[in-house]
Amino acid sequence: MYSIFRYTVLYLLISTYALSNTTDSLRYELEKTSTDTLKVILLNKLAYEYIPIKNDSTLFFVEQALNIIQHMDNTNTIWKNNYKAKLYTHLGAFHQHRSDVSTALNFYFNALKLYETTGNLSGLLTLYEKIGLSYSDLANYEKSLVYYFKALKLYDKYKITDGKASILGNIGTVYAEQSNFPKALEYFFSSLKINEELNNKAGIAICYTNIGVLYKSQFYFDKALDYYSKALRINEELNFKREMAIIIGNMANIYAEQLKTEEAMKFYLRALEINKEINNKRGFSHIMGNIGSLYVDLNDYSKAIPYLEEALKISGEIGNKYLISIWQSSLGEVYTKSKRYKDAEHFLIKSLQITNQIGALSIKERNEKLLSTIYSETGKHKLAYEHYKNYILIRDSLKNEENAKKQIRQQMQYEYNKKQAADSILFAKEKKIKETEIAHQNAVIKAKKNQQYILLGSLVLFLLFIGFIFKRINIIRNQKKIIEKQKFFVEQKQKEILDSIYYAKRIQECVLPNKTTLDKKIKSLKK
């Protein structure tokens, strides 16, 4: 029984490109402007926008911009070098997007030299990441880490958060490819923490995917599916098709491992359709090879071979040695089982040459065992013995590695538990903070209510006081009216009395003679 190889995709946090609706307006502005500086800026933007498009518009815009810069005499050298570096970076991305990684690297290094002369921090960070990604695509993990750590050093030096999660995730990916799973998990969780703090949904989904890959590699299928499902929901919400294809393909691998053939095939075909739609060659190669491996599981070799051959062809086009060695080894297995020994030997030797270069022991073990079987069946016993010895040596080495993996699984479980504990502590802290905030809010609400009650009470008292004053004024007014009425009555009575007195006096004066007359009369009587 030979092991079946399925390629599970680790998720690199690469920059994505999408054609925006601004291209028409950029072209319109370009036609109107006569300023060389503005022309270069607009051409640079257009070159970036067209990177994912199948035509060569990016090359056309970059060539125009570089030509203008070359003939600009009176422009700041730093500005010119920065824009030349941006344009070279677009050329690198253009070729990397089309799986021509070697050409992409040449342009990236040209851009890097220019950014080093200008000291452009943003440009250096972008280039370090893109070069790291390119070396990772070529399975040159040592160089990949060199450039990732250069970027990480700058992020830490200048205390930059935006973009750091991407680098941490990519470092984790390299460690995972090197089977250093505890280290990989440590970097993935660090990346996840930053993305959660920034509420970066796309970044969170990438971290979930990579953590799922690690758990799958250690046969924690339930944990892996849980993380994949969370990642898939986010990417469906964001409509990120490339990412959806990766996750669906990885979920299909788990179902295949669990011998859920129908479920696995359904997910493989769904991933294949998405990769074909977005023209993702690497993703297409993964899924084609994995479908071929599924047919090998089912002993349907006639169906397995076309898928594996197509996967090998595409892997050769994009230059991924690891994938090439996997699909060559898988074809060697199919041809061995079909007793087509010459074809099997051809593919197995080619795969063995690559595995000797990149150190992929699991694939090498299978190649040595299959070659030993072929040479034994064809009477080449000396060669059969040599390859069998090699197989035993690698198998024992992998057994030791398997024992180490058990320790790794324990360490990964520890890391997972630590993360869960950290999340619990964080949750408790957040809960305490929220409770404090709620208590503070309740106190504020209570104080406001008390203020309202005091205000309302004061208003009521004020209204009562106004009412009392108003009532007193009315009483005083009524009393004043009574007094005035009484005064008028007294005055009237007084007038009547005076009038009577005056009247009696006048009567008296009319009856009696006046004083002078009386005096005269009295005097006459005395005589």
Protein backbone atom coordinates (compact mmCIF):
# COMPACT_ATOMS: atom_id res chain seq x y z
CA MET A 1 0.00 0.00 0.00
CA TYR A 2 1.47 3.36 -1.04
CA SER A 3 0.60 6.72 0.49
CA ILE A 4 -1.49 9.15 -1.55
CA PHE A 5 -0.22 12.71 -1.73
CA ARG A 6 -2.72 15.54 -1.67
CA TYR A 7 -1.53 19.09 -1.83
CA THR A 8 -3.05 21.30 0.88
CA VAL A 9 -2.67 25.00 0.23
CA LEU A 10 -1.12 27.26 2.80
CA TYR A 11 -2.37 30.74 2.44
CA LEU A 12 0.11 33.52 1.67
CA LEU A 13 -1.08 37.01 2.58
CA ILE A 14 -0.31 38.46 -0.84
CA SER A 15 -1.58 41.72 -2.23
CA THR A 16 -4.64 41.32 -4.42
CA TYR A 17 -5.52 43.30 -7.51
CA ALA A 18 -8.90 44.15 -8.90
CA LEU A 19 -9.84 46.31 -11.83
CA SER A 20 -11.69 49.30 -10.45
CA ASN A 21 -14.17 51.60 -12.09
CA THR A 22 -11.60 54.40 -12.11
CA THR A 23 -9.75 53.29 -15.27
CA ASP A 24 -12.03 55.27 -17.61
CA SER A 25 -11.62 58.45 -15.58
CA LEU A 26 -7.84 57.90 -15.40
CA ARG A 27 -7.65 57.51 -19.19
CA TYR A 28 -9.76 60.65 -19.63
CA GLU A 29 -7.47 62.65 -17.32
CA LEU A 30 -4.44 61.29 -19.16
CA GLU A 31 -5.75 62.52 -22.50
CA LYS A 32 -6.39 66.02 -21.10
CA THR A 33 -3.12 66.62 -19.27
CA SER A 34 0.00 68.04 -20.85
CA THR A 35 2.17 67.91 -17.70
CA ASP A 36 4.79 65.15 -17.72
CA THR A 37 4.70 64.72 -13.93
CA LEU A 38 0.94 64.20 -13.90
CA LYS A 39 1.19 61.87 -16.91
CA VAL A 40 3.64 59.62 -15.03
CA ILE A 41 1.36 59.56 -11.96
CA LEU A 42 -1.70 58.60 -14.06
CA LEU A 43 0.20 55.99 -16.10
CA ASN A 44 1.49 54.45 -12.85
CA LYS A 45 -2.10 54.16 -11.53
CA LEU A 46 -3.33 52.64 -14.80
CA ALA A 47 -0.45 50.13 -14.85
CA TYR A 48 -1.44 48.97 -11.35
CA GLU A 49 -5.14 48.68 -12.21
CA TYR A 50 -4.49 46.43 -15.21
CA ILE A 51 -2.15 43.91 -13.51
CA PRO A 52 -4.79 41.13 -13.20
CA ILE A 53 -6.15 41.59 -16.73
CA LYS A 54 -5.17 39.07 -19.41
CA ASN A 55 -3.98 41.68 -21.93
CA ASP A 56 -0.64 43.53 -21.83
CA SER A 57 -1.99 46.96 -20.89
CA THR A 58 0.25 47.10 -17.80
CA LEU A 59 3.36 46.67 -19.97
CA PHE A 60 2.14 49.41 -22.33
CA PHE A 61 1.48 51.94 -19.54
CA VAL A 62 4.77 51.17 -17.75
CA GLU A 63 6.76 51.60 -20.99
CA GLN A 64 5.11 54.98 -21.64
CA ALA A 65 5.78 56.19 -18.08
CA LEU A 66 9.43 55.08 -18.11
CA ASN A 67 9.95 56.80 -21.46
CA ILE A 68 8.58 60.10 -20.06
CA ILE A 69 10.76 59.83 -16.92
CA GLN A 70 13.84 59.23 -19.05
CA HIS A 71 13.32 62.56 -20.85
CA MET A 72 12.49 64.60 -17.74
CA ASP A 73 15.60 66.72 -17.11
CA ASN A 74 14.53 69.22 -14.47
CA THR A 75 12.74 66.87 -12.11
CA ASN A 76 13.83 65.83 -8.60
CA THR A 77 15.98 62.65 -8.83
CA ILE A 78 14.39 61.10 -5.74
CA TRP A 79 10.90 61.56 -7.23
CA LYS A 80 12.03 59.99 -10.54
CA ASN A 81 13.65 57.00 -8.80
CA ASN A 82 10.61 56.42 -6.59
CA TYR A 83 8.30 56.31 -9.60
CA LYS A 84 10.68 54.11 -11.59
CA ALA A 85 10.72 51.73 -8.61
CA LYS A 86 6.89 51.73 -8.50
CA LEU A 87 6.73 50.92 -12.21
CA TYR A 88 9.29 48.08 -11.88
CA THR A 89 7.24 46.73 -8.96
CA HIS A 90 4.14 46.68 -11.19
CA LEU A 91 6.10 44.79 -13.85
CA GLY A 92 7.17 42.26 -11.24
CA ALA A 93 3.59 41.83 -10.02
CA PHE A 94 2.41 41.50 -13.63
CA HIS A 95 4.77 38.55 -14.23
CA GLN A 96 4.17 36.99 -10.81
CA HIS A 97 0.43 37.14 -11.47
CA ARG A 98 1.13 35.05 -14.59
CA SER A 99 3.31 32.56 -12.64
CA ASP A 100 6.59 33.80 -14.21
CA VAL A 101 8.31 34.13 -10.84
CA SER A 102 11.92 34.36 -12.08
CA THR A 103 11.13 37.36 -14.31
CA ALA A 104 9.12 38.91 -11.47
CA LEU A 105 12.14 38.65 -9.16
CA ASN A 106 14.38 40.49 -11.65
CA PHE A 107 12.00 43.46 -11.71
CA TYR A 108 11.56 43.38 -7.94
CA PHE A 109 15.33 43.58 -7.38
CA ASN A 110 15.59 46.51 -9.85
CA ALA A 111 12.87 48.30 -7.86
CA LEU A 112 14.55 47.42 -4.53
CA LYS A 113 17.86 49.03 -5.59
CA LEU A 114 16.04 52.28 -6.42
CA TYR A 115 14.10 52.32 -3.13
CA GLU A 116 17.34 51.73 -1.21
CA THR A 117 18.78 54.91 -2.77
CA THR A 118 15.69 57.00 -1.95
CA GLY A 119 15.05 55.49 1.48
CA ASN A 120 11.35 54.98 0.69
CA LEU A 121 10.08 52.98 3.70
CA SER A 122 6.73 52.00 2.18
CA GLY A 123 8.46 50.84 -1.01
CA LEU A 124 11.03 48.79 0.90
CA LEU A 125 8.32 47.03 2.94
CA THR A 126 6.37 46.21 -0.23
CA LEU A 127 9.45 44.84 -2.02
CA TYR A 128 10.68 42.75 0.92
CA GLU A 129 7.29 41.07 1.11
CA LYS A 130 6.97 40.50 -2.64
CA ILE A 131 10.50 39.07 -2.90
CA GLY A 132 9.77 36.82 0.09
CA LEU A 133 6.59 35.61 -1.61
CA SER A 134 8.44 34.95 -4.85
CA TYR A 135 11.12 32.83 -3.16
CA SER A 136 8.38 30.98 -1.29
CA ASP A 137 6.73 30.20 -4.66
CA LEU A 138 10.05 28.71 -5.77
CA ALA A 139 10.31 26.68 -2.52
CA ASN A 140 13.48 28.64 -1.60
CA TYR A 141 12.38 29.04 2.00
CA GLU A 142 15.73 30.18 3.40
CA LYS A 143 15.82 33.27 1.15
CA SER A 144 12.11 33.81 1.65
CA LEU A 145 12.60 34.13 5.43
CA VAL A 146 15.55 36.49 4.97
CA TYR A 147 13.34 39.06 3.22
CA TYR A 148 10.34 38.51 5.47
CA PHE A 149 12.45 39.18 8.56
CA LYS A 150 13.92 42.30 6.91
CA ALA A 151 10.37 43.59 6.57
CA LEU A 152 9.45 42.56 10.13
CA LYS A 153 12.50 44.41 11.48
CA LEU A 154 11.32 47.65 9.81
CA TYR A 155 7.75 47.17 11.10
CA ASP A 156 9.07 46.81 14.66
CA LYS A 157 11.62 49.63 14.33
CA TYR A 158 9.07 52.19 13.16
CA LYS A 159 6.17 50.71 15.21
CA ILE A 160 4.00 50.18 12.11
CA THR A 161 0.95 47.96 12.63
CA ASP A 162 -0.70 48.11 9.21
CA GLY A 163 0.88 45.35 7.11
CA LYS A 164 2.70 43.60 9.97
CA ALA A 165 0.03 40.90 10.23
CA SER A 166 0.67 39.97 6.60
CA ILE A 167 4.39 39.44 7.21
CA LEU A 168 3.78 37.41 10.37
CA GLY A 169 1.33 35.19 8.47
CA ASN A 170 3.77 34.64 5.62
CA ILE A 171 6.59 33.73 8.02
CA GLY A 172 4.20 31.21 9.58
CA THR A 173 3.52 29.80 6.12
CA VAL A 174 7.22 29.21 5.47
CA TYR A 175 7.66 27.45 8.83
CA ALA A 176 4.65 25.28 8.01
CA GLU A 177 6.17 24.33 4.63
CA GLN A 178 9.30 23.33 6.56
CA SER A 179 7.13 21.22 8.91
CA ASN A 180 7.98 23.43 11.91
CA PHE A 181 4.34 23.44 12.96
CA PRO A 182 4.61 24.90 16.51
CA LYS A 183 6.60 27.85 15.14
CA ALA A 184 4.11 28.26 12.31
CA LEU A 185 1.17 28.21 14.72
CA GLU A 186 2.86 30.83 16.90
CA TYR A 187 3.18 33.24 13.94
CA PHE A 188 -0.34 32.51 12.67
CA PHE A 189 -1.85 33.34 16.07
CA SER A 190 0.28 36.53 16.25
CA SER A 191 -1.04 37.52 12.83
CA LEU A 192 -4.61 36.66 13.86
CA LYS A 193 -4.34 38.83 17.01
CA ILE A 194 -3.35 41.93 15.00
CA ASN A 195 -6.05 41.31 12.36
CA GLU A 196 -8.70 40.95 15.07
CA GLU A 197 -7.55 44.21 16.71
CA LEU A 198 -7.81 45.96 13.34
CA ASN A 199 -11.10 44.16 12.50
CA ASN A 200 -9.51 43.11 9.19
CA LYS A 201 -11.91 40.43 7.99
CA ALA A 202 -9.80 39.37 5.02
CA GLY A 203 -6.73 38.96 7.25
CA ILE A 204 -8.74 37.04 9.86
CA ALA A 205 -9.96 34.63 7.15
CA ILE A 206 -6.40 34.03 5.95
CA CYS A 207 -5.24 33.21 9.49
CA TYR A 208 -8.18 30.84 10.00
CA THR A 209 -7.24 29.06 6.75
CA ASN A 210 -3.60 28.62 7.71
CA ILE A 211 -4.43 27.42 11.21
CA GLY A 212 -6.82 24.93 9.59
CA VAL A 213 -3.99 23.65 7.35
CA LEU A 214 -1.76 23.06 10.38
CA TYR A 215 -4.43 21.14 12.26
CA LYS A 216 -5.17 19.07 9.15
CA SER A 217 -1.48 18.18 8.79
CA GLN A 218 -1.55 16.80 12.36
CA PHE A 219 -4.84 14.93 11.72
CA TYR A 220 -7.01 17.21 13.86
CA PHE A 221 -9.68 17.07 11.15
CA ASP A 222 -12.55 18.49 13.21
CA LYS A 223 -10.52 21.52 14.32
CA ALA A 224 -9.29 22.00 10.75
CA LEU A 225 -12.82 21.92 9.30
CA ASP A 226 -13.99 24.34 11.98
CA TYR A 227 -11.33 26.92 11.03
CA TYR A 228 -11.89 26.33 7.28
CA SER A 229 -15.63 26.86 7.68
CA LYS A 230 -15.12 30.15 9.55
CA ALA A 231 -12.69 31.32 6.87
CA LEU A 232 -15.02 30.31 4.03
CA ARG A 233 -17.96 32.25 5.50
CA ILE A 234 -15.88 35.44 5.65
CA ASN A 235 -14.56 35.04 2.09
CA GLU A 236 -18.04 34.34 0.72
CA GLU A 237 -19.21 37.52 2.43
CA LEU A 238 -16.30 39.43 0.84
CA ASN A 239 -16.70 37.60 -2.51
CA PHE A 240 -12.98 36.69 -2.57
CA LYS A 241 -13.06 33.87 -5.12
CA ARG A 242 -9.38 32.93 -5.11
CA GLU A 243 -9.52 32.49 -1.35
CA MET A 244 -12.79 30.55 -1.57
CA ALA A 245 -11.18 28.12 -4.03
CA ILE A 246 -8.23 27.52 -1.68
CA ILE A 247 -10.45 26.77 1.31
CA ILE A 248 -12.91 24.58 -0.61
CA GLY A 249 -9.99 22.57 -2.04
CA ASN A 250 -8.52 22.12 1.44
CA MET A 251 -11.87 20.96 2.82
CA ALA A 252 -12.11 18.46 -0.06
CA ASN A 253 -8.73 17.02 0.99
CA ILE A 254 -10.06 16.31 4.49
CA TYR A 255 -13.15 14.58 3.11
CA ALA A 256 -10.86 12.50 0.85
CA GLU A 257 -8.71 11.55 3.88
CA GLN A 258 -11.89 10.52 5.70
CA LEU A 259 -12.90 8.41 2.65
CA LYS A 260 -15.99 10.56 2.06
CA THR A 261 -15.48 10.30 -1.69
CA GLU A 262 -18.69 11.92 -2.92
CA GLU A 263 -18.30 14.89 -0.59
CA ALA A 264 -14.63 15.27 -1.56
CA MET A 265 -15.37 15.21 -5.30
CA LYS A 266 -18.19 17.73 -4.91
CA PHE A 267 -15.81 20.17 -3.19
CA TYR A 268 -12.95 19.50 -5.65
CA LEU A 269 -15.15 20.27 -8.65
CA ARG A 270 -16.45 23.43 -7.01
CA ALA A 271 -12.87 24.62 -6.35
CA LEU A 272 -11.81 23.65 -9.88
CA GLU A 273 -14.61 25.71 -11.39
CA ILE A 274 -13.64 28.81 -9.37
CA ASN A 275 -9.93 28.48 -10.24
CA LYS A 276 -10.79 28.13 -13.91
CA GLU A 277 -13.05 31.20 -13.74
CA ILE A 278 -10.32 33.41 -12.22
CA ASN A 279 -7.48 31.84 -14.28
CA ASN A 280 -5.51 30.77 -11.19
CA LYS A 281 -2.97 28.31 -12.63
CA ARG A 282 -1.44 27.30 -9.33
CA GLY A 283 -4.83 26.64 -7.76
CA PHE A 284 -5.93 24.77 -10.89
CA SER A 285 -2.81 22.55 -10.64
CA HIS A 286 -3.53 21.77 -6.97
CA ILE A 287 -7.08 20.67 -7.60
CA MET A 288 -6.37 18.71 -10.81
CA GLY A 289 -3.64 16.74 -9.01
CA ASN A 290 -5.83 16.15 -5.96
CA ILE A 291 -8.70 14.87 -8.13
CA GLY A 292 -6.20 12.53 -9.79
CA SER A 293 -5.12 11.32 -6.34
CA LEU A 294 -8.76 10.70 -5.42
CA TYR A 295 -9.16 8.46 -8.48
CA VAL A 296 -5.99 6.62 -7.42
CA ASP A 297 -7.72 5.98 -4.07
CA LEU A 298 -10.61 4.49 -6.03
CA ASN A 299 -8.20 2.39 -8.20
CA ASP A 300 -9.58 4.09 -11.31
CA TYR A 301 -6.21 4.71 -12.96
CA SER A 302 -7.53 5.56 -16.41
CA LYS A 303 -9.32 8.58 -14.90
CA ALA A 304 -6.45 9.46 -12.55
CA ILE A 305 -3.76 9.78 -15.26
CA PRO A 306 -5.24 12.72 -17.28
CA TYR A 307 -5.76 14.78 -14.11
CA LEU A 308 -2.23 14.09 -12.84
CA GLU A 309 -0.67 14.85 -16.25
CA GLU A 310 -2.53 18.16 -16.47
CA ALA A 311 -1.46 19.05 -12.91
CA LEU A 312 2.17 18.24 -13.78
CA LYS A 313 2.04 20.32 -16.96
CA ILE A 314 0.72 23.41 -15.15
CA SER A 315 3.20 22.97 -12.26
CA GLY A 316 6.00 22.95 -14.85
CA GLU A 317 4.66 26.17 -16.39
CA ILE A 318 4.70 27.98 -13.04
CA GLY A 319 8.04 26.42 -11.99
CA ASN A 320 6.96 25.02 -8.60
CA LYS A 321 9.42 22.19 -7.87
CA TYR A 322 7.54 20.82 -4.90
CA LEU A 323 4.34 20.38 -6.90
CA ILE A 324 6.25 18.94 -9.86
CA SER A 325 7.85 16.27 -7.64
CA ILE A 326 4.45 15.36 -6.09
CA TRP A 327 2.65 14.84 -9.41
CA GLN A 328 5.62 13.00 -10.99
CA SER A 329 5.66 10.66 -7.99
CA SER A 330 1.89 10.16 -8.22
CA LEU A 331 2.13 9.29 -11.92
CA GLY A 332 4.98 6.88 -11.09
CA GLU A 333 2.69 5.17 -8.56
CA VAL A 334 -0.20 4.88 -11.04
CA TYR A 335 2.05 3.42 -13.76
CA THR A 336 3.61 1.00 -11.26
CA LYS A 337 0.18 -0.26 -10.25
CA SER A 338 -0.75 -0.51 -13.93
CA LYS A 339 2.49 -2.47 -14.56
CA ARG A 340 3.72 0.15 -17.03
CA TYR A 341 7.17 -0.02 -15.44
CA LYS A 342 9.12 1.97 -18.01
CA ASP A 343 6.78 4.96 -17.70
CA ALA A 344 6.79 4.58 -13.93
CA GLU A 345 10.60 4.54 -13.76
CA HIS A 346 10.78 7.69 -15.92
CA PHE A 347 8.58 9.77 -13.63
CA LEU A 348 9.95 8.36 -10.35
CA ILE A 349 13.59 9.11 -11.23
CA LYS A 350 12.67 12.66 -12.25
CA SER A 351 10.75 13.14 -8.98
CA LEU A 352 13.65 11.66 -7.01
CA GLN A 353 16.07 14.16 -8.55
CA ILE A 354 13.91 17.08 -7.39
CA THR A 355 13.30 15.66 -3.90
CA ASN A 356 17.07 15.30 -3.47
CA GLN A 357 17.33 19.03 -4.20
CA ILE A 358 14.51 20.30 -1.99
CA GLY A 359 14.65 17.62 0.74
CA ALA A 360 11.02 16.45 0.58
CA LEU A 361 11.55 13.18 2.50
CA SER A 362 7.96 11.91 2.41
CA ILE A 363 7.89 12.02 -1.39
CA LYS A 364 11.42 10.60 -1.60
CA GLU A 365 10.43 7.66 0.64
CA ARG A 366 7.61 6.75 -1.71
CA ASN A 367 9.83 7.11 -4.79
CA GLU A 368 12.51 4.79 -3.35
CA LYS A 369 9.95 2.14 -2.40
CA LEU A 370 8.25 2.25 -5.82
CA LEU A 371 11.59 2.05 -7.67
CA SER A 372 12.59 -0.95 -5.54
CA THR A 373 9.30 -2.64 -6.54
CA ILE A 374 9.81 -1.86 -10.24
CA TYR A 375 13.38 -3.20 -10.33
CA SER A 376 12.38 -6.31 -8.39
CA GLU A 377 9.54 -6.99 -10.85
CA THR A 378 11.84 -6.45 -13.87
CA GLY A 379 14.69 -8.65 -12.55
CA LYS A 380 17.10 -5.80 -11.70
CA HIS A 381 17.72 -7.10 -8.20
CA LYS A 382 20.87 -5.09 -7.43
CA LEU A 383 19.06 -1.82 -8.16
CA ALA A 384 16.01 -3.10 -6.28
CA TYR A 385 18.21 -3.76 -3.21
CA GLU A 386 19.89 -0.33 -3.38
CA HIS A 387 16.56 1.53 -3.56
CA TYR A 388 15.08 -0.67 -0.83
CA LYS A 389 17.98 0.22 1.49
CA ASN A 390 17.39 3.90 0.75
CA TYR A 391 13.70 3.41 1.45
CA ILE A 392 14.44 1.81 4.86
CA LEU A 393 16.83 4.61 5.85
CA ILE A 394 14.28 7.29 4.98
CA ARG A 395 11.45 5.34 6.63
CA ASP A 396 13.41 5.09 9.89
CA SER A 397 14.21 8.78 9.67
CA LEU A 398 10.54 9.56 9.15
CA LYS A 399 9.61 7.30 12.07
CA ASN A 400 11.83 9.43 14.27
CA GLU A 401 10.16 12.41 12.65
CA GLU A 402 6.78 10.86 13.43
CA ASN A 403 7.76 10.56 17.08
CA ALA A 404 8.81 14.18 16.93
CA LYS A 405 5.45 14.98 15.32
CA LYS A 406 3.70 13.43 18.32
CA GLN A 407 5.58 15.89 20.47
CA ILE A 408 4.71 18.61 17.96
CA ARG A 409 1.03 17.66 18.20
CA GLN A 410 1.26 17.94 21.99
CA GLN A 411 2.99 21.31 21.63
CA MET A 412 0.38 22.45 19.11
CA GLN A 413 -2.35 21.39 21.54
CA TYR A 414 -0.56 23.38 24.21
CA GLU A 415 -0.38 26.42 21.88
CA TYR A 416 -4.08 26.00 21.09
CA ASN A 417 -4.99 25.72 24.77
CA LYS A 418 -2.79 28.74 25.54
CA LYS A 419 -4.60 30.72 22.83
CA GLN A 420 -7.98 29.61 24.21
CA ALA A 421 -6.86 30.57 27.73
CA ALA A 422 -5.61 33.93 26.47
CA ASP A 423 -8.94 34.44 24.70
CA SER A 424 -10.75 33.54 27.93
CA ILE A 425 -8.65 36.01 29.94
CA LEU A 426 -9.18 38.63 27.28
CA PHE A 427 -12.90 37.88 27.30
CA ALA A 428 -12.96 38.18 31.10
CA LYS A 429 -11.11 41.49 30.93
CA GLU A 430 -13.41 42.76 28.23
CA LYS A 431 -16.40 41.59 30.25
CA LYS A 432 -15.08 43.40 33.34
CA ILE A 433 -14.46 46.54 31.29
CA LYS A 434 -17.95 46.30 29.80
CA GLU A 435 -19.46 45.79 33.28
CA THR A 436 -17.54 48.85 34.55
CA GLU A 437 -18.71 50.84 31.53
CA ILE A 438 -22.30 49.69 32.09
CA ALA A 439 -22.08 50.60 35.81
CA HIS A 440 -20.67 53.99 34.86
CA GLN A 441 -23.43 54.46 32.28
CA ASN A 442 -26.06 53.46 34.86
CA ALA A 443 -24.57 55.94 37.34
CA VAL A 444 -24.64 58.66 34.71
CA ILE A 445 -28.25 57.78 33.82
CA LYS A 446 -29.19 57.77 37.51
CA ALA A 447 -27.51 61.15 38.04
CA LYS A 448 -29.31 62.54 35.00
CA LYS A 449 -32.62 61.19 36.32
CA ASN A 450 -31.94 62.78 39.73
CA GLN A 451 -31.13 66.05 38.01
CA GLN A 452 -34.38 65.75 36.08
CA TYR A 453 -36.32 65.04 39.29
CA ILE A 454 -34.71 68.04 41.03
CA LEU A 455 -35.43 70.22 38.04
CA LEU A 456 -39.01 68.99 37.87
CA GLY A 457 -39.48 69.51 41.65
CA SER A 458 -38.01 73.01 41.42
CA LEU A 459 -40.34 73.77 38.56
CA VAL A 460 -43.35 72.55 40.54
CA LEU A 461 -42.30 74.62 43.58
CA PHE A 462 -41.77 77.63 41.36
CA LEU A 463 -45.21 77.21 39.84
CA LEU A 464 -46.75 76.82 43.32
CA PHE A 465 -44.95 79.97 44.48
CA ILE A 466 -46.15 81.85 41.38
CA GLY A 467 -49.67 80.60 42.11
CA PHE A 468 -49.41 81.71 45.74
CA ILE A 469 -48.15 85.17 44.70
CA PHE A 470 -50.89 85.47 42.12
CA LYS A 471 -53.50 84.52 44.70
CA ARG A 472 -52.10 87.02 47.20
CA ILE A 473 -52.19 89.75 44.56
CA ASN A 474 -55.86 88.95 43.89
CA ILE A 475 -56.67 89.06 47.63
CA ILE A 476 -54.89 92.39 48.00
CA ARG A 477 -56.72 93.72 44.98
CA ASN A 478 -60.07 92.63 46.45
CA GLN A 479 -59.21 94.09 49.83
CA LYS A 480 -58.17 97.35 48.17
CA LYS A 481 -61.51 97.45 46.35
CA ILE A 482 -63.36 96.92 49.66
CA ILE A 483 -61.33 99.62 51.41
CA GLU A 484 -61.87 102.02 48.54
CA LYS A 485 -65.57 101.24 48.61
CA GLN A 486 -65.71 101.75 52.37
CA LYS A 487 -63.72 104.96 52.04
CA PHE A 488 -66.11 106.18 49.40
CA PHE A 489 -69.04 105.30 51.71
CA VAL A 490 -67.48 107.19 54.66
CA GLU A 491 -66.71 110.17 52.48
CA GLN A 492 -70.28 110.19 51.25
CA LYS A 493 -71.62 110.05 54.82
CA GLN A 494 -69.22 112.76 55.90
CA LYS A 495 -70.38 114.94 53.03
CA GLU A 496 -74.00 114.35 53.93
CA ILE A 497 -73.33 115.38 57.59
CA LEU A 498 -71.43 118.49 56.53
CA ASP A 499 -74.14 119.35 54.07
CA SER A 500 -76.74 119.06 56.95
CA ILE A 501 -74.66 121.26 59.19
CA TYR A 502 -74.19 123.82 56.47
CA TYR A 503 -77.92 123.70 55.75
CA ALA A 504 -78.88 124.22 59.47
CA LYS A 505 -76.44 127.10 59.66
CA ARG A 506 -78.02 128.79 56.68
CA ILE A 507 -81.52 128.35 58.23
CA GLN A 508 -80.22 129.78 61.45
CA GLU A 509 -78.74 132.71 59.67
CA CYS A 510 -82.03 133.35 57.88
CA VAL A 511 -84.21 133.36 61.16
CA LEU A 512 -81.87 135.31 63.50
CA PRO A 513 -80.65 138.84 62.80
CA ASN A 514 -77.03 139.26 62.27
CA LYS A 515 -74.67 140.12 65.13
CA THR A 516 -74.35 143.79 64.29
CA THR A 517 -78.11 144.26 64.40
CA LEU A 518 -78.35 142.39 67.70
CA ASP A 519 -75.63 144.51 69.25
CA LYS A 520 -77.41 147.70 68.26
CA LYS A 521 -80.65 146.42 69.68
CA ILE A 522 -79.13 145.52 73.01
CA LYS A 523 -77.45 148.90 73.33
CA SER A 524 -80.77 150.68 72.70
CA LEU A 525 -82.53 148.68 75.41
CA LYS A 526 -79.91 149.57 77.95
CA LYS A 527 -80.58 153.21 77.45
